[in-house]
Amino acid sequence: MNSKAVAFLVLVPSGILKNLNNRYGHTFGTFNVNFINTPSPKSVSVPGGKKMRNIQVENKNNVLTIILNRPERHNALNFETLLELQSLLVTLPRRFPDTRCVILTGHGDKAFSAGADLKELSTMSPKQGEELSFLAQEVTLLLEALPVPIIASVNGVAMGGGLELALACDFIYTCNQAQLALPEVSLGLIPGFGGCVRLGRRVGMAKAKELIFTGNSLTGEEAQIIGLSNKNFENSTLLKQGVLQTALAISSRGPKAVATAKYSIEKGAQTALRAGLEMERKNYRRVLENSESTEGMAAFLEKRAPSF
């Protein structure tokens, strides 16, 4: 199958681009990215044949799986990985318009992501560290802004920035060998990829403070108990099966309805109650006005599966 190229602008501070250009020896900024629609994981390419080494994608049955692929570094997040992830997310809705659910996971069964690459971070100035934080936060915002649901499949260690990526997903599934933590204070740091803001919204302010102040880790089972993980599985194989089952279930529902529900939930949480209810009411009318709801109700009354 032939790949297709698309140009887009990567929005990052000039300081990041200068550092990347020096570090990796080629110009970052505007890329032509090749996406290959295939049931097997493939790398993404940039001009000159350079592969986006740290991200793989798998596209099958309306489910797009994004794989963090730095197993030798426990899928740690360096500048290059974050830029590659941003590159994919920027063009994802247009390049994969049939996607109805996204899975984010890590390569192998040892790590989802160990977080920021400390080998790289330790060489940065405070200004460069802030720029790394800016880029990572932009990636998390892109994750949240996807019009389709995204499930974090935490198949191992999810520390620091790794957990912060997962927190930007709609929900998290784990397995028994998962370890989740925001341990930055043990390094004299704080979570800088969104954890200080998002963890409390997921598990409550008091529990978030306890986890961040101590840096203590949770097992997958413990994460489920406090509501950080929606489901926990005995092992990574069962996790993969469970995540895919949920993704396929979502994919079988009305895609416009799911997207509208996601938007309504996210925006409703950011507004006053009455304003949120008004928004929900207007969105309810919008879904009633499209053919998807007509098909869904007709299928129910005729006792058949809907064709979305």
C-alpha atoms as a PDB file:
ATOM      1  CA  MET A   1       0.000   0.000   0.000  1.00  0.00           C
ATOM      2  CA  ASN A   2       1.382   3.386  -0.976  1.00  0.00           C
ATOM      3  CA  SER A   3       1.914   5.951   1.756  1.00  0.00           C
ATOM      4  CA  LYS A   4       0.749   9.525   1.499  1.00  0.00           C
ATOM      5  CA  ALA A   5       2.609  12.605   2.735  1.00  0.00           C
ATOM      6  CA  VAL A   6       1.163  15.627   4.441  1.00  0.00           C
ATOM      7  CA  ALA A   7       2.878  18.830   5.591  1.00  0.00           C
ATOM      8  CA  PHE A   8       2.167  20.418   8.930  1.00  0.00           C
ATOM      9  CA  LEU A   9       3.733  22.871  11.321  1.00  0.00           C
ATOM     10  CA  VAL A  10       5.109  21.600  14.610  1.00  0.00           C
ATOM     11  CA  LEU A  11       4.440  24.315  17.161  1.00  0.00           C
ATOM     12  CA  VAL A  12       7.335  24.359  19.613  1.00  0.00           C
ATOM     13  CA  PRO A  13       9.492  27.139  21.065  1.00  0.00           C
ATOM     14  CA  SER A  14      12.478  28.222  18.970  1.00  0.00           C
ATOM     15  CA  GLY A  15      14.852  27.167  21.728  1.00  0.00           C
ATOM     16  CA  ILE A  16      13.653  23.580  21.478  1.00  0.00           C
ATOM     17  CA  LEU A  17      14.110  23.565  17.711  1.00  0.00           C
ATOM     18  CA  LYS A  18      17.663  24.933  18.000  1.00  0.00           C
ATOM     19  CA  ASN A  19      18.588  22.305  20.578  1.00  0.00           C
ATOM     20  CA  LEU A  20      17.044  19.525  18.508  1.00  0.00           C
ATOM     21  CA  ASN A  21      18.727  20.644  15.326  1.00  0.00           C
ATOM     22  CA  ASN A  22      22.080  20.593  17.098  1.00  0.00           C
ATOM     23  CA  ARG A  23      21.388  17.292  18.836  1.00  0.00           C
ATOM     24  CA  TYR A  24      19.956  15.248  15.977  1.00  0.00           C
ATOM     25  CA  GLY A  25      21.603  16.877  12.980  1.00  0.00           C
ATOM     26  CA  HIS A  26      18.570  17.731  10.877  1.00  0.00           C
ATOM     27  CA  THR A  27      16.035  20.519  10.731  1.00  0.00           C
ATOM     28  CA  PHE A  28      12.899  20.241  12.820  1.00  0.00           C
ATOM     29  CA  GLY A  29       9.899  22.477  12.184  1.00  0.00           C
ATOM     30  CA  THR A  30       7.776  21.561   9.164  1.00  0.00           C
ATOM     31  CA  PHE A  31       7.785  17.860   8.280  1.00  0.00           C
ATOM     32  CA  ASN A  32       6.384  15.671   5.549  1.00  0.00           C
ATOM     33  CA  VAL A  33       5.169  12.660   7.468  1.00  0.00           C
ATOM     34  CA  ASN A  34       4.358   9.320   5.836  1.00  0.00           C
ATOM     35  CA  PHE A  35       1.551   7.313   7.453  1.00  0.00           C
ATOM     36  CA  ILE A  36       1.025   3.729   6.420  1.00  0.00           C
ATOM     37  CA  ASN A  37      -2.419   2.220   6.947  1.00  0.00           C
ATOM     38  CA  THR A  38      -1.559  -1.320   7.952  1.00  0.00           C
ATOM     39  CA  PRO A  39      -2.465  -3.947  10.566  1.00  0.00           C
ATOM     40  CA  SER A  40       1.232  -4.189  11.515  1.00  0.00           C
ATOM     41  CA  PRO A  41       3.180  -1.546  13.495  1.00  0.00           C
ATOM     42  CA  LYS A  42       5.081   0.775  11.182  1.00  0.00           C
ATOM     43  CA  SER A  43       7.437   3.657  11.737  1.00  0.00           C
ATOM     44  CA  VAL A  44       6.633   7.166  10.559  1.00  0.00           C
ATOM     45  CA  SER A  45       9.013   8.905   8.176  1.00  0.00           C
ATOM     46  CA  VAL A  46      10.358  12.433   7.807  1.00  0.00           C
ATOM     47  CA  PRO A  47      12.061  13.962   4.748  1.00  0.00           C
ATOM     48  CA  GLY A  48      15.277  12.326   3.628  1.00  0.00           C
ATOM     49  CA  GLY A  49      14.082   8.880   4.685  1.00  0.00           C
ATOM     50  CA  LYS A  50      14.622   9.486   8.409  1.00  0.00           C
ATOM     51  CA  LYS A  51      12.353   7.252  10.424  1.00  0.00           C
ATOM     52  CA  MET A  52      10.465   8.481  13.454  1.00  0.00           C
ATOM     53  CA  ARG A  53      12.179   5.875  15.535  1.00  0.00           C
ATOM     54  CA  ASN A  54      10.320   6.267  18.784  1.00  0.00           C
ATOM     55  CA  ILE A  55       6.663   5.981  17.755  1.00  0.00           C
ATOM     56  CA  GLN A  56       4.920   3.122  15.959  1.00  0.00           C
ATOM     57  CA  VAL A  57       1.318   2.961  14.806  1.00  0.00           C
ATOM     58  CA  GLU A  58      -1.054   0.101  14.126  1.00  0.00           C
ATOM     59  CA  ASN A  59      -4.314   0.807  12.296  1.00  0.00           C
ATOM     60  CA  LYS A  60      -6.930  -1.951  12.205  1.00  0.00           C
ATOM     61  CA  ASN A  61     -10.710  -2.198  12.477  1.00  0.00           C
ATOM     62  CA  ASN A  62     -11.153   1.549  13.120  1.00  0.00           C
ATOM     63  CA  VAL A  63      -8.811   1.300  16.131  1.00  0.00           C
ATOM     64  CA  LEU A  64      -5.472   3.132  15.987  1.00  0.00           C
ATOM     65  CA  THR A  65      -2.801   1.926  18.403  1.00  0.00           C
ATOM     66  CA  ILE A  66       0.055   4.328  19.202  1.00  0.00           C
ATOM     67  CA  ILE A  67       3.120   2.574  20.603  1.00  0.00           C
ATOM     68  CA  LEU A  68       5.904   4.358  22.483  1.00  0.00           C
ATOM     69  CA  ASN A  69       8.949   2.577  21.111  1.00  0.00           C
ATOM     70  CA  ARG A  70      12.123   3.149  23.130  1.00  0.00           C
ATOM     71  CA  PRO A  71      12.326  -0.166  24.995  1.00  0.00           C
ATOM     72  CA  GLU A  72      16.048   0.243  25.663  1.00  0.00           C
ATOM     73  CA  ARG A  73      15.134   3.345  27.730  1.00  0.00           C
ATOM     74  CA  HIS A  74      11.883   1.924  29.108  1.00  0.00           C
ATOM     75  CA  ASN A  75      10.035   4.107  26.553  1.00  0.00           C
ATOM     76  CA  ALA A  76      11.296   7.284  28.235  1.00  0.00           C
ATOM     77  CA  LEU A  77      10.153  10.597  26.773  1.00  0.00           C
ATOM     78  CA  ASN A  78      12.915  12.715  25.283  1.00  0.00           C
ATOM     79  CA  PHE A  79      12.494  15.753  23.019  1.00  0.00           C
ATOM     80  CA  GLU A  80      12.544  13.648  19.899  1.00  0.00           C
ATOM     81  CA  THR A  81       9.880  11.238  21.142  1.00  0.00           C
ATOM     82  CA  LEU A  82       7.585  14.059  22.208  1.00  0.00           C
ATOM     83  CA  LEU A  83       7.968  15.768  18.838  1.00  0.00           C
ATOM     84  CA  GLU A  84       7.202  12.546  17.038  1.00  0.00           C
ATOM     85  CA  LEU A  85       4.114  12.019  19.165  1.00  0.00           C
ATOM     86  CA  GLN A  86       3.025  15.592  18.553  1.00  0.00           C
ATOM     87  CA  SER A  87       3.574  15.120  14.819  1.00  0.00           C
ATOM     88  CA  LEU A  88       1.292  12.110  14.785  1.00  0.00           C
ATOM     89  CA  LEU A  89      -1.457  13.688  16.897  1.00  0.00           C
ATOM     90  CA  VAL A  90      -1.569  16.904  14.852  1.00  0.00           C
ATOM     91  CA  THR A  91      -2.490  15.062  11.667  1.00  0.00           C
ATOM     92  CA  LEU A  92      -4.237  12.006  13.086  1.00  0.00           C
ATOM     93  CA  PRO A  93      -7.895  13.039  12.508  1.00  0.00           C
ATOM     94  CA  ARG A  94      -7.174  13.961   8.903  1.00  0.00           C
ATOM     95  CA  ARG A  95      -4.840  11.095   8.046  1.00  0.00           C
ATOM     96  CA  PHE A  96      -6.923   8.429   9.781  1.00  0.00           C
ATOM     97  CA  PRO A  97     -10.507   9.725   9.399  1.00  0.00           C
ATOM     98  CA  ASP A  98     -12.028   6.275   9.995  1.00  0.00           C
ATOM     99  CA  THR A  99     -10.458   5.973  13.457  1.00  0.00           C
ATOM    100  CA  ARG A 100     -13.094   5.582  16.162  1.00  0.00           C
ATOM    101  CA  CYS A 101     -10.861   4.794  19.135  1.00  0.00           C
ATOM    102  CA  VAL A 102      -7.157   5.197  19.963  1.00  0.00           C
ATOM    103  CA  ILE A 103      -5.027   3.034  22.229  1.00  0.00           C
ATOM    104  CA  LEU A 104      -1.803   4.463  23.693  1.00  0.00           C
ATOM    105  CA  THR A 105       0.678   1.930  25.037  1.00  0.00           C
ATOM    106  CA  GLY A 106       4.369   1.122  25.400  1.00  0.00           C
ATOM    107  CA  HIS A 107       6.515  -1.338  23.474  1.00  0.00           C
ATOM    108  CA  GLY A 108       7.018  -4.642  25.292  1.00  0.00           C
ATOM    109  CA  ASP A 109       5.572  -5.675  28.625  1.00  0.00           C
ATOM    110  CA  LYS A 110       7.972  -3.933  31.028  1.00  0.00           C
ATOM    111  CA  ALA A 111       7.138  -0.274  30.572  1.00  0.00           C
ATOM    112  CA  PHE A 112       4.378   2.016  29.393  1.00  0.00           C
ATOM    113  CA  SER A 113       6.831   4.877  29.839  1.00  0.00           C
ATOM    114  CA  ALA A 114       9.420   5.624  32.492  1.00  0.00           C
ATOM    115  CA  GLY A 115       8.715   9.355  32.054  1.00  0.00           C
ATOM    116  CA  ALA A 116      11.132  12.104  31.092  1.00  0.00           C
ATOM    117  CA  ASP A 117      14.512  10.856  29.909  1.00  0.00           C
ATOM    118  CA  LEU A 118      16.675  11.786  32.894  1.00  0.00           C
ATOM    119  CA  LYS A 119      19.878  11.305  30.907  1.00  0.00           C
ATOM    120  CA  GLU A 120      18.739  14.112  28.618  1.00  0.00           C
ATOM    121  CA  LEU A 121      17.031  16.192  31.320  1.00  0.00           C
ATOM    122  CA  SER A 122      20.157  16.242  33.483  1.00  0.00           C
ATOM    123  CA  THR A 123      22.040  18.130  30.746  1.00  0.00           C
ATOM    124  CA  MET A 124      19.409  20.852  30.307  1.00  0.00           C
ATOM    125  CA  SER A 125      19.364  24.385  31.619  1.00  0.00           C
ATOM    126  CA  PRO A 126      16.277  25.506  33.581  1.00  0.00           C
ATOM    127  CA  LYS A 127      15.051  27.308  30.459  1.00  0.00           C
ATOM    128  CA  GLN A 128      15.432  24.173  28.377  1.00  0.00           C
ATOM    129  CA  GLY A 129      13.626  22.196  31.065  1.00  0.00           C
ATOM    130  CA  GLU A 130      10.731  24.624  30.899  1.00  0.00           C
ATOM    131  CA  GLU A 131      10.642  24.217  27.126  1.00  0.00           C
ATOM    132  CA  LEU A 132      10.508  20.448  27.548  1.00  0.00           C
ATOM    133  CA  SER A 133       7.578  20.923  29.928  1.00  0.00           C
ATOM    134  CA  PHE A 134       5.866  23.191  27.398  1.00  0.00           C
ATOM    135  CA  LEU A 135       6.213  20.623  24.609  1.00  0.00           C
ATOM    136  CA  ALA A 136       5.014  17.749  26.797  1.00  0.00           C
ATOM    137  CA  GLN A 137       2.011  19.744  28.006  1.00  0.00           C
ATOM    138  CA  GLU A 138       1.122  20.551  24.387  1.00  0.00           C
ATOM    139  CA  VAL A 139       1.203  16.825  23.622  1.00  0.00           C
ATOM    140  CA  THR A 140      -1.152  16.100  26.513  1.00  0.00           C
ATOM    141  CA  LEU A 141      -3.519  18.800  25.292  1.00  0.00           C
ATOM    142  CA  LEU A 142      -3.486  17.218  21.831  1.00  0.00           C
ATOM    143  CA  LEU A 143      -4.356  13.868  23.395  1.00  0.00           C
ATOM    144  CA  GLU A 144      -7.296  15.406  25.228  1.00  0.00           C
ATOM    145  CA  ALA A 145      -8.451  17.250  22.109  1.00  0.00           C
ATOM    146  CA  LEU A 146      -8.745  14.126  19.956  1.00  0.00           C
ATOM    147  CA  PRO A 147     -12.391  13.809  18.878  1.00  0.00           C
ATOM    148  CA  VAL A 148     -12.292  10.048  19.502  1.00  0.00           C
ATOM    149  CA  PRO A 149     -11.799   8.288  22.849  1.00  0.00           C
ATOM    150  CA  ILE A 150      -8.245   7.324  23.768  1.00  0.00           C
ATOM    151  CA  ILE A 151      -7.413   4.513  26.190  1.00  0.00           C
ATOM    152  CA  ALA A 152      -4.074   4.313  27.997  1.00  0.00           C
ATOM    153  CA  SER A 153      -3.015   0.658  28.166  1.00  0.00           C
ATOM    154  CA  VAL A 154      -0.488   0.712  31.008  1.00  0.00           C
ATOM    155  CA  ASN A 155       1.418  -2.514  30.491  1.00  0.00           C
ATOM    156  CA  GLY A 156       4.250  -1.896  32.932  1.00  0.00           C
ATOM    157  CA  VAL A 157       6.050   1.044  34.533  1.00  0.00           C
ATOM    158  CA  ALA A 158       4.283   4.408  34.166  1.00  0.00           C
ATOM    159  CA  MET A 159       6.409   6.892  36.057  1.00  0.00           C
ATOM    160  CA  GLY A 160       6.409  10.679  36.008  1.00  0.00           C
ATOM    161  CA  GLY A 161       5.771  11.905  32.497  1.00  0.00           C
ATOM    162  CA  GLY A 162       4.597   8.433  31.485  1.00  0.00           C
ATOM    163  CA  LEU A 163       1.752   8.579  33.977  1.00  0.00           C
ATOM    164  CA  GLU A 164       1.090  12.172  32.968  1.00  0.00           C
ATOM    165  CA  LEU A 165       0.576  11.030  29.357  1.00  0.00           C
ATOM    166  CA  ALA A 166      -1.837   8.396  30.592  1.00  0.00           C
ATOM    167  CA  LEU A 167      -3.737  10.987  32.634  1.00  0.00           C
ATOM    168  CA  ALA A 168      -4.395  12.935  29.423  1.00  0.00           C
ATOM    169  CA  CYS A 169      -6.208   9.909  27.984  1.00  0.00           C
ATOM    170  CA  ASP A 170      -9.922   9.392  28.543  1.00  0.00           C
ATOM    171  CA  PHE A 171      -9.284   6.469  30.862  1.00  0.00           C
ATOM    172  CA  ILE A 172      -6.591   4.015  31.919  1.00  0.00           C
ATOM    173  CA  TYR A 173      -6.474   0.228  32.002  1.00  0.00           C
ATOM    174  CA  THR A 174      -3.679  -1.547  33.912  1.00  0.00           C
ATOM    175  CA  CYS A 175      -2.333  -5.004  34.703  1.00  0.00           C
ATOM    176  CA  ASN A 176      -0.833  -6.467  37.873  1.00  0.00           C
ATOM    177  CA  GLN A 177       2.753  -5.724  36.896  1.00  0.00           C
ATOM    178  CA  ALA A 178       2.024  -2.052  36.302  1.00  0.00           C
ATOM    179  CA  GLN A 179       3.696   0.497  38.569  1.00  0.00           C
ATOM    180  CA  LEU A 180       2.246   4.016  38.514  1.00  0.00           C
ATOM    181  CA  ALA A 181       3.800   7.012  40.260  1.00  0.00           C
ATOM    182  CA  LEU A 182       4.692  10.675  40.107  1.00  0.00           C
ATOM    183  CA  PRO A 183       8.050  10.376  41.905  1.00  0.00           C
ATOM    184  CA  GLU A 184       9.533  13.716  40.880  1.00  0.00           C
ATOM    185  CA  VAL A 185       9.910  15.098  44.424  1.00  0.00           C
ATOM    186  CA  SER A 186      12.428  12.345  45.161  1.00  0.00           C
ATOM    187  CA  LEU A 187      14.600  14.014  42.499  1.00  0.00           C
ATOM    188  CA  GLY A 188      13.979  17.525  43.786  1.00  0.00           C
ATOM    189  CA  LEU A 189      11.498  18.175  40.978  1.00  0.00           C
ATOM    190  CA  ILE A 190       7.731  18.416  40.560  1.00  0.00           C
ATOM    191  CA  PRO A 191       5.496  16.848  37.906  1.00  0.00           C
ATOM    192  CA  GLY A 192       5.828  19.112  34.879  1.00  0.00           C
ATOM    193  CA  PHE A 193       3.826  17.382  32.154  1.00  0.00           C
ATOM    194  CA  GLY A 194       0.405  18.086  33.688  1.00  0.00           C
ATOM    195  CA  GLY A 195       0.392  15.790  36.697  1.00  0.00           C
ATOM    196  CA  CYS A 196      -0.053  18.514  39.321  1.00  0.00           C
ATOM    197  CA  VAL A 197      -3.234  19.582  37.542  1.00  0.00           C
ATOM    198  CA  ARG A 198      -4.747  16.348  36.245  1.00  0.00           C
ATOM    199  CA  LEU A 199      -4.105  13.809  39.007  1.00  0.00           C
ATOM    200  CA  GLY A 200      -6.354  15.615  41.492  1.00  0.00           C
ATOM    201  CA  ARG A 201      -9.143  15.756  38.924  1.00  0.00           C
ATOM    202  CA  ARG A 202      -8.874  11.990  38.507  1.00  0.00           C
ATOM    203  CA  VAL A 203      -8.484  10.752  42.085  1.00  0.00           C
ATOM    204  CA  GLY A 204      -9.341  13.752  44.281  1.00  0.00           C
ATOM    205  CA  MET A 205      -7.151  16.502  45.683  1.00  0.00           C
ATOM    206  CA  ALA A 206      -6.166  14.823  48.954  1.00  0.00           C
ATOM    207  CA  LYS A 207      -5.113  11.540  47.337  1.00  0.00           C
ATOM    208  CA  ALA A 208      -3.220  13.431  44.599  1.00  0.00           C
ATOM    209  CA  LYS A 209      -1.311  15.406  47.234  1.00  0.00           C
ATOM    210  CA  GLU A 210      -0.396  12.221  49.087  1.00  0.00           C
ATOM    211  CA  LEU A 211       0.886  10.546  45.921  1.00  0.00           C
ATOM    212  CA  ILE A 212       2.834  13.586  44.697  1.00  0.00           C
ATOM    213  CA  PHE A 213       4.270  14.598  48.097  1.00  0.00           C
ATOM    214  CA  THR A 214       5.503  11.055  48.848  1.00  0.00           C
ATOM    215  CA  GLY A 215       6.283   9.934  45.308  1.00  0.00           C
ATOM    216  CA  ASN A 216       4.984   6.496  46.282  1.00  0.00           C
ATOM    217  CA  SER A 217       4.036   4.077  43.514  1.00  0.00           C
ATOM    218  CA  LEU A 218       0.820   2.124  43.032  1.00  0.00           C
ATOM    219  CA  THR A 219       0.268  -1.317  41.589  1.00  0.00           C
ATOM    220  CA  GLY A 220      -2.357  -1.729  38.907  1.00  0.00           C
ATOM    221  CA  GLU A 221      -4.737  -3.184  41.482  1.00  0.00           C
ATOM    222  CA  GLU A 222      -4.172  -0.260  43.864  1.00  0.00           C
ATOM    223  CA  ALA A 223      -4.665   2.190  41.011  1.00  0.00           C
ATOM    224  CA  GLN A 224      -8.037   0.630  40.260  1.00  0.00           C
ATOM    225  CA  ILE A 225      -9.124   0.880  43.895  1.00  0.00           C
ATOM    226  CA  ILE A 226      -8.611   4.660  43.974  1.00  0.00           C
ATOM    227  CA  GLY A 227     -10.138   5.223  40.538  1.00  0.00           C
ATOM    228  CA  LEU A 228      -6.896   5.964  38.693  1.00  0.00           C
ATOM    229  CA  SER A 229      -7.350   2.819  36.613  1.00  0.00           C
ATOM    230  CA  ASN A 230     -10.770   1.855  35.269  1.00  0.00           C
ATOM    231  CA  LYS A 231      -9.902  -1.846  35.005  1.00  0.00           C
ATOM    232  CA  ASN A 232      -6.997  -4.001  36.112  1.00  0.00           C
ATOM    233  CA  PHE A 233      -6.018  -7.323  34.554  1.00  0.00           C
ATOM    234  CA  GLU A 234      -3.920 -10.213  35.786  1.00  0.00           C
ATOM    235  CA  ASN A 235      -1.249  -9.872  33.107  1.00  0.00           C
ATOM    236  CA  SER A 236      -0.296  -7.886  30.032  1.00  0.00           C
ATOM    237  CA  THR A 237      -1.870 -10.374  27.625  1.00  0.00           C
ATOM    238  CA  LEU A 238      -5.267 -10.093  29.297  1.00  0.00           C
ATOM    239  CA  LEU A 239      -4.785  -6.315  29.457  1.00  0.00           C
ATOM    240  CA  LYS A 240      -4.229  -6.123  25.707  1.00  0.00           C
ATOM    241  CA  GLN A 241      -7.313  -8.246  25.085  1.00  0.00           C
ATOM    242  CA  GLY A 242      -9.443  -6.192  27.479  1.00  0.00           C
ATOM    243  CA  VAL A 243      -8.354  -2.863  26.022  1.00  0.00           C
ATOM    244  CA  LEU A 244      -9.055  -4.060  22.485  1.00  0.00           C
ATOM    245  CA  GLN A 245     -12.464  -5.376  23.507  1.00  0.00           C
ATOM    246  CA  THR A 246     -13.426  -1.981  24.913  1.00  0.00           C
ATOM    247  CA  ALA A 247     -11.977  -0.158  21.895  1.00  0.00           C
ATOM    248  CA  LEU A 248     -13.980  -2.332  19.503  1.00  0.00           C
ATOM    249  CA  ALA A 249     -17.133  -1.792  21.568  1.00  0.00           C
ATOM    250  CA  ILE A 250     -16.629   1.968  21.326  1.00  0.00           C
ATOM    251  CA  SER A 251     -15.957   1.641  17.597  1.00  0.00           C
ATOM    252  CA  SER A 252     -19.300  -0.086  17.091  1.00  0.00           C
ATOM    253  CA  ARG A 253     -21.236   2.858  18.543  1.00  0.00           C
ATOM    254  CA  GLY A 254     -22.313   5.964  16.669  1.00  0.00           C
ATOM    255  CA  PRO A 255     -19.049   7.861  16.038  1.00  0.00           C
ATOM    256  CA  LYS A 256     -20.675  11.295  15.974  1.00  0.00           C
ATOM    257  CA  ALA A 257     -22.556  10.516  19.176  1.00  0.00           C
ATOM    258  CA  VAL A 258     -19.378   9.308  20.903  1.00  0.00           C
ATOM    259  CA  ALA A 259     -17.446  12.398  19.789  1.00  0.00           C
ATOM    260  CA  THR A 260     -20.243  14.696  20.914  1.00  0.00           C
ATOM    261  CA  ALA A 261     -20.511  12.904  24.260  1.00  0.00           C
ATOM    262  CA  LYS A 262     -16.755  13.248  24.805  1.00  0.00           C
ATOM    263  CA  TYR A 263     -16.891  16.962  24.024  1.00  0.00           C
ATOM    264  CA  SER A 264     -19.914  17.466  26.287  1.00  0.00           C
ATOM    265  CA  ILE A 265     -18.286  15.654  29.208  1.00  0.00           C
ATOM    266  CA  GLU A 266     -14.990  17.516  28.895  1.00  0.00           C
ATOM    267  CA  LYS A 267     -16.537  20.964  28.463  1.00  0.00           C
ATOM    268  CA  GLY A 268     -19.229  20.296  31.032  1.00  0.00           C
ATOM    269  CA  ALA A 269     -16.564  19.629  33.659  1.00  0.00           C
ATOM    270  CA  GLN A 270     -15.058  23.052  32.962  1.00  0.00           C
ATOM    271  CA  THR A 271     -18.262  25.102  33.228  1.00  0.00           C
ATOM    272  CA  ALA A 272     -20.860  26.003  35.818  1.00  0.00           C
ATOM    273  CA  LEU A 273     -23.702  23.503  36.154  1.00  0.00           C
ATOM    274  CA  ARG A 274     -26.387  25.525  34.388  1.00  0.00           C
ATOM    275  CA  ALA A 275     -24.075  26.464  31.512  1.00  0.00           C
ATOM    276  CA  GLY A 276     -23.051  22.827  31.187  1.00  0.00           C
ATOM    277  CA  LEU A 277     -26.659  21.692  31.044  1.00  0.00           C
ATOM    278  CA  GLU A 278     -27.432  24.243  28.358  1.00  0.00           C
ATOM    279  CA  MET A 279     -24.502  23.001  26.291  1.00  0.00           C
ATOM    280  CA  GLU A 280     -25.640  19.404  26.727  1.00  0.00           C
ATOM    281  CA  ARG A 281     -29.168  20.305  25.613  1.00  0.00           C
ATOM    282  CA  LYS A 282     -27.899  21.965  22.434  1.00  0.00           C
ATOM    283  CA  ASN A 283     -25.627  19.025  21.658  1.00  0.00           C
ATOM    284  CA  TYR A 284     -28.564  16.666  22.242  1.00  0.00           C
ATOM    285  CA  ARG A 285     -30.462  18.505  19.528  1.00  0.00           C
ATOM    286  CA  ARG A 286     -27.456  18.349  17.199  1.00  0.00           C
ATOM    287  CA  VAL A 287     -27.235  14.565  17.401  1.00  0.00           C
ATOM    288  CA  LEU A 288     -30.993  14.311  16.831  1.00  0.00           C
ATOM    289  CA  GLU A 289     -30.522  16.302  13.630  1.00  0.00           C
ATOM    290  CA  ASN A 290     -28.048  13.890  12.018  1.00  0.00           C
ATOM    291  CA  SER A 291     -28.704  10.640  10.192  1.00  0.00           C
ATOM    292  CA  GLU A 292     -26.734   8.622  12.713  1.00  0.00           C
ATOM    293  CA  SER A 293     -29.441   8.958  15.366  1.00  0.00           C
ATOM    294  CA  THR A 294     -32.140   8.159  12.809  1.00  0.00           C
ATOM    295  CA  GLU A 295     -30.334   4.927  11.918  1.00  0.00           C
ATOM    296  CA  GLY A 296     -29.674   4.049  15.546  1.00  0.00           C
ATOM    297  CA  MET A 297     -33.284   4.400  16.659  1.00  0.00           C
ATOM    298  CA  ALA A 298     -34.595   2.627  13.558  1.00  0.00           C
ATOM    299  CA  ALA A 299     -32.228  -0.293  14.157  1.00  0.00           C
ATOM    300  CA  PHE A 300     -33.370  -0.578  17.772  1.00  0.00           C
ATOM    301  CA  LEU A 301     -37.050  -0.608  16.826  1.00  0.00           C
ATOM    302  CA  GLU A 302     -36.412  -3.101  14.027  1.00  0.00           C
ATOM    303  CA  LYS A 303     -34.309  -5.305  16.341  1.00  0.00           C
ATOM    304  CA  ARG A 304     -31.208  -5.244  14.169  1.00  0.00           C
ATOM    305  CA  ALA A 305     -27.639  -3.992  14.490  1.00  0.00           C
ATOM    306  CA  PRO A 306     -27.220  -0.350  13.433  1.00  0.00           C
ATOM    307  CA  SER A 307     -25.046   0.555  10.462  1.00  0.00           C
ATOM    308  CA  PHE A 308     -22.881   3.477  11.589  1.00  0.00           C
END
